[in-house]
Amino acid sequence: MAYAQPLSINEAPDAAKPILEAIEEKFGQSMNIFSTLAHQPDVLGGMTQINDGLQNDLPAKYRELAYYKASQLNSCDYCSHYHRQAAKKAGLSEQQLDSMNVSAGDLFDDKEQAVLKYAEQLTTKANVDASVVKELKLFLNEKQLVTLAAAVALANFTNRVNHGLDIELP
């Protein structure tokens, strides 16, 4: 059972209500992570603002690949559930998502392998080898690299919020 209960829009603090309404409009449903973070509207607003910023310049395929990889490494079933759907929508196959191993060279091209390495290193070591960044800079500009770092960081943040509050899938 969740350690903090998700709030309905009517139960949420006034500052959280428009954010929750926008989330329902955007996704067509309420999601427990957002409804739970509504207890603290500033955190909810900050997280959604970062999430919105990630949508602008990095190809969705790379963003979702990195997010899903981090969520898999952290065993976050909640984030893996939603981001698997987003990754498929972004063009990743079921076979790729079932095998998030960097060494699965026949499933991932060089760019995707570089994204996987980056997500894995940042998630497991909180650091990234310069050689991996060099690979990424062959096809990502600095703005996109910043977005990739933020996507992996947000994945790790949401994974830990989900685990720390035992947030459940609806």
Protein backbone atom coordinates (compact mmCIF):
# COMPACT_ATOMS: atom_id res chain seq x y z
CA MET A 1 0.00 0.00 0.00
CA ALA A 2 1.26 3.45 -0.90
CA TYR A 3 2.88 5.46 1.89
CA ALA A 4 1.14 8.65 0.72
CA GLN A 5 -2.22 8.41 -0.97
CA PRO A 6 -2.83 9.97 -4.39
CA LEU A 7 -5.12 12.98 -4.26
CA SER A 8 -8.04 13.63 -6.55
CA ILE A 9 -8.20 17.07 -8.13
CA ASN A 10 -10.86 18.07 -5.59
CA GLU A 11 -8.70 16.92 -2.65
CA ALA A 12 -5.51 18.57 -3.91
CA PRO A 13 -4.20 21.89 -2.63
CA ASP A 14 -5.33 24.80 -4.79
CA ALA A 15 -1.84 25.29 -6.27
CA ALA A 16 -1.81 21.68 -7.51
CA LYS A 17 -5.28 21.64 -9.09
CA PRO A 18 -4.42 23.34 -12.42
CA ILE A 19 -1.35 21.13 -12.79
CA LEU A 20 -3.38 17.96 -12.23
CA GLU A 21 -6.05 19.20 -14.65
CA ALA A 22 -3.38 19.83 -17.31
CA ILE A 23 -1.93 16.35 -16.75
CA GLU A 24 -5.35 14.72 -17.17
CA GLU A 25 -5.92 16.74 -20.34
CA LYS A 26 -2.48 15.85 -21.73
CA PHE A 27 -2.50 12.13 -20.90
CA GLY A 28 -6.23 11.47 -20.82
CA GLN A 29 -6.00 10.18 -17.27
CA SER A 30 -4.64 10.86 -13.85
CA MET A 31 -1.39 9.13 -12.92
CA ASN A 32 -0.63 8.19 -9.34
CA ILE A 33 2.85 9.73 -9.27
CA PHE A 34 1.44 13.16 -10.13
CA SER A 35 -1.59 12.75 -7.89
CA THR A 36 0.70 11.79 -5.01
CA LEU A 37 3.12 14.65 -5.62
CA ALA A 38 0.10 16.97 -5.47
CA HIS A 39 0.59 16.90 -1.70
CA GLN A 40 3.57 19.18 -2.42
CA PRO A 41 2.53 21.46 -5.33
CA ASP A 42 5.97 23.05 -5.78
CA VAL A 43 7.59 19.65 -6.31
CA LEU A 44 4.78 18.58 -8.63
CA GLY A 45 5.14 21.79 -10.64
CA GLY A 46 8.91 21.50 -10.84
CA MET A 47 8.80 17.92 -12.00
CA THR A 48 6.21 18.62 -14.69
CA GLN A 49 8.14 21.66 -15.86
CA ILE A 50 11.30 19.56 -16.29
CA ASN A 51 9.31 16.85 -18.05
CA ASP A 52 7.83 19.40 -20.45
CA GLY A 53 11.31 20.78 -21.18
CA LEU A 54 12.54 17.34 -22.21
CA GLN A 55 10.09 17.24 -25.10
CA ASN A 56 11.72 19.98 -27.16
CA ASP A 57 14.95 19.03 -28.88
CA LEU A 58 16.10 15.47 -28.24
CA PRO A 59 14.54 12.86 -30.54
CA ALA A 60 11.83 11.01 -28.61
CA LYS A 61 13.43 7.67 -29.44
CA TYR A 62 16.65 8.58 -27.58
CA ARG A 63 14.82 10.22 -24.69
CA GLU A 64 12.54 7.23 -24.10
CA LEU A 65 15.35 4.72 -24.61
CA ALA A 66 17.38 6.45 -21.88
CA TYR A 67 14.41 6.84 -19.54
CA TYR A 68 13.35 3.23 -19.95
CA LYS A 69 16.92 1.97 -19.46
CA ALA A 70 17.29 3.91 -16.20
CA SER A 71 13.91 2.66 -14.98
CA GLN A 72 14.85 -0.93 -15.81
CA LEU A 73 18.16 -0.61 -13.97
CA ASN A 74 16.33 0.78 -10.94
CA SER A 75 13.61 -1.90 -11.12
CA CYS A 76 10.92 0.76 -11.22
CA ASP A 77 7.89 -1.10 -12.52
CA TYR A 78 5.77 2.07 -12.43
CA CYS A 79 8.05 4.12 -14.70
CA SER A 80 8.90 1.11 -16.85
CA HIS A 81 5.19 0.55 -17.50
CA TYR A 82 4.51 4.07 -18.76
CA HIS A 83 7.82 4.64 -20.52
CA ARG A 84 7.68 1.31 -22.32
CA GLN A 85 4.48 2.56 -23.93
CA ALA A 86 6.13 5.89 -24.77
CA ALA A 87 9.22 4.12 -26.15
CA LYS A 88 7.08 1.98 -28.47
CA LYS A 89 5.28 5.10 -29.64
CA ALA A 90 8.70 6.69 -30.31
CA GLY A 91 9.70 3.79 -32.57
CA LEU A 92 11.43 1.22 -30.37
CA SER A 93 10.42 -2.40 -30.89
CA GLU A 94 9.19 -4.93 -28.36
CA GLN A 95 12.37 -6.92 -28.99
CA GLN A 96 14.55 -3.89 -28.21
CA LEU A 97 12.61 -3.13 -25.04
CA ASP A 98 12.87 -6.73 -23.92
CA SER A 99 16.66 -6.58 -24.31
CA MET A 100 18.02 -3.34 -22.88
CA ASN A 101 21.57 -4.71 -23.00
CA VAL A 102 24.14 -2.43 -24.65
CA SER A 103 25.89 -5.49 -26.07
CA ALA A 104 22.79 -6.42 -28.09
CA GLY A 105 24.43 -4.87 -31.14
CA ASP A 106 22.11 -6.53 -33.59
CA LEU A 107 19.12 -4.80 -31.96
CA PHE A 108 20.54 -1.31 -31.44
CA ASP A 109 22.47 0.89 -33.83
CA ASP A 110 25.63 2.74 -32.73
CA LYS A 111 23.70 5.83 -31.66
CA GLU A 112 21.22 3.85 -29.60
CA GLN A 113 24.07 1.90 -27.99
CA ALA A 114 25.74 5.17 -27.01
CA VAL A 115 22.48 6.39 -25.43
CA LEU A 116 22.14 3.10 -23.54
CA LYS A 117 25.72 3.31 -22.25
CA TYR A 118 25.18 6.89 -21.12
CA ALA A 119 21.94 6.06 -19.29
CA GLU A 120 23.49 3.02 -17.66
CA GLN A 121 26.62 4.81 -16.47
CA LEU A 122 24.78 7.88 -15.20
CA THR A 123 22.26 5.69 -13.37
CA THR A 124 24.68 3.19 -11.85
CA LYS A 125 27.76 5.34 -11.26
CA ALA A 126 26.34 8.90 -11.19
CA ASN A 127 29.14 9.65 -13.64
CA VAL A 128 29.82 9.09 -17.32
CA ASP A 129 33.03 8.16 -19.12
CA ALA A 130 34.36 10.84 -21.46
CA SER A 131 34.55 8.24 -24.23
CA VAL A 132 30.76 7.74 -24.07
CA VAL A 133 30.15 11.48 -24.26
CA LYS A 134 32.49 11.63 -27.25
CA GLU A 135 30.33 8.98 -28.99
CA LEU A 136 27.18 10.97 -28.23
CA LYS A 137 28.66 14.20 -29.55
CA LEU A 138 29.00 12.57 -32.97
CA PHE A 139 25.22 12.92 -33.35
CA LEU A 140 23.95 15.11 -30.49
CA ASN A 141 24.61 18.81 -30.04
CA GLU A 142 25.23 20.26 -26.59
CA LYS A 143 21.59 21.25 -26.07
CA GLN A 144 20.52 17.68 -26.85
CA LEU A 145 23.21 16.30 -24.54
CA VAL A 146 21.88 18.49 -21.72
CA THR A 147 18.38 17.18 -22.41
CA LEU A 148 19.64 13.59 -22.39
CA ALA A 149 21.33 14.14 -19.01
CA ALA A 150 18.14 15.72 -17.67
CA ALA A 151 16.02 12.82 -19.00
CA VAL A 152 18.18 10.26 -17.20
CA ALA A 153 18.23 12.40 -14.06
CA LEU A 154 14.43 12.76 -14.14
CA ALA A 155 14.06 9.01 -14.61
CA ASN A 156 16.20 8.41 -11.55
CA PHE A 157 14.22 11.04 -9.60
CA THR A 158 10.85 9.55 -10.49
CA ASN A 159 12.13 6.01 -9.87
CA ARG A 160 13.18 6.99 -6.36
CA VAL A 161 9.95 8.89 -5.65
CA ASN A 162 7.98 5.84 -6.75
CA HIS A 163 10.05 3.52 -4.57
CA GLY A 164 10.23 5.93 -1.64
CA LEU A 165 6.45 6.38 -1.56
CA ASP A 166 5.53 2.90 -2.82
CA ILE A 167 3.38 4.45 -5.54
CA GLU A 168 1.23 1.89 -7.29
CA LEU A 169 0.03 1.57 -10.86
CA PRO A 170 -3.70 2.35 -11.11
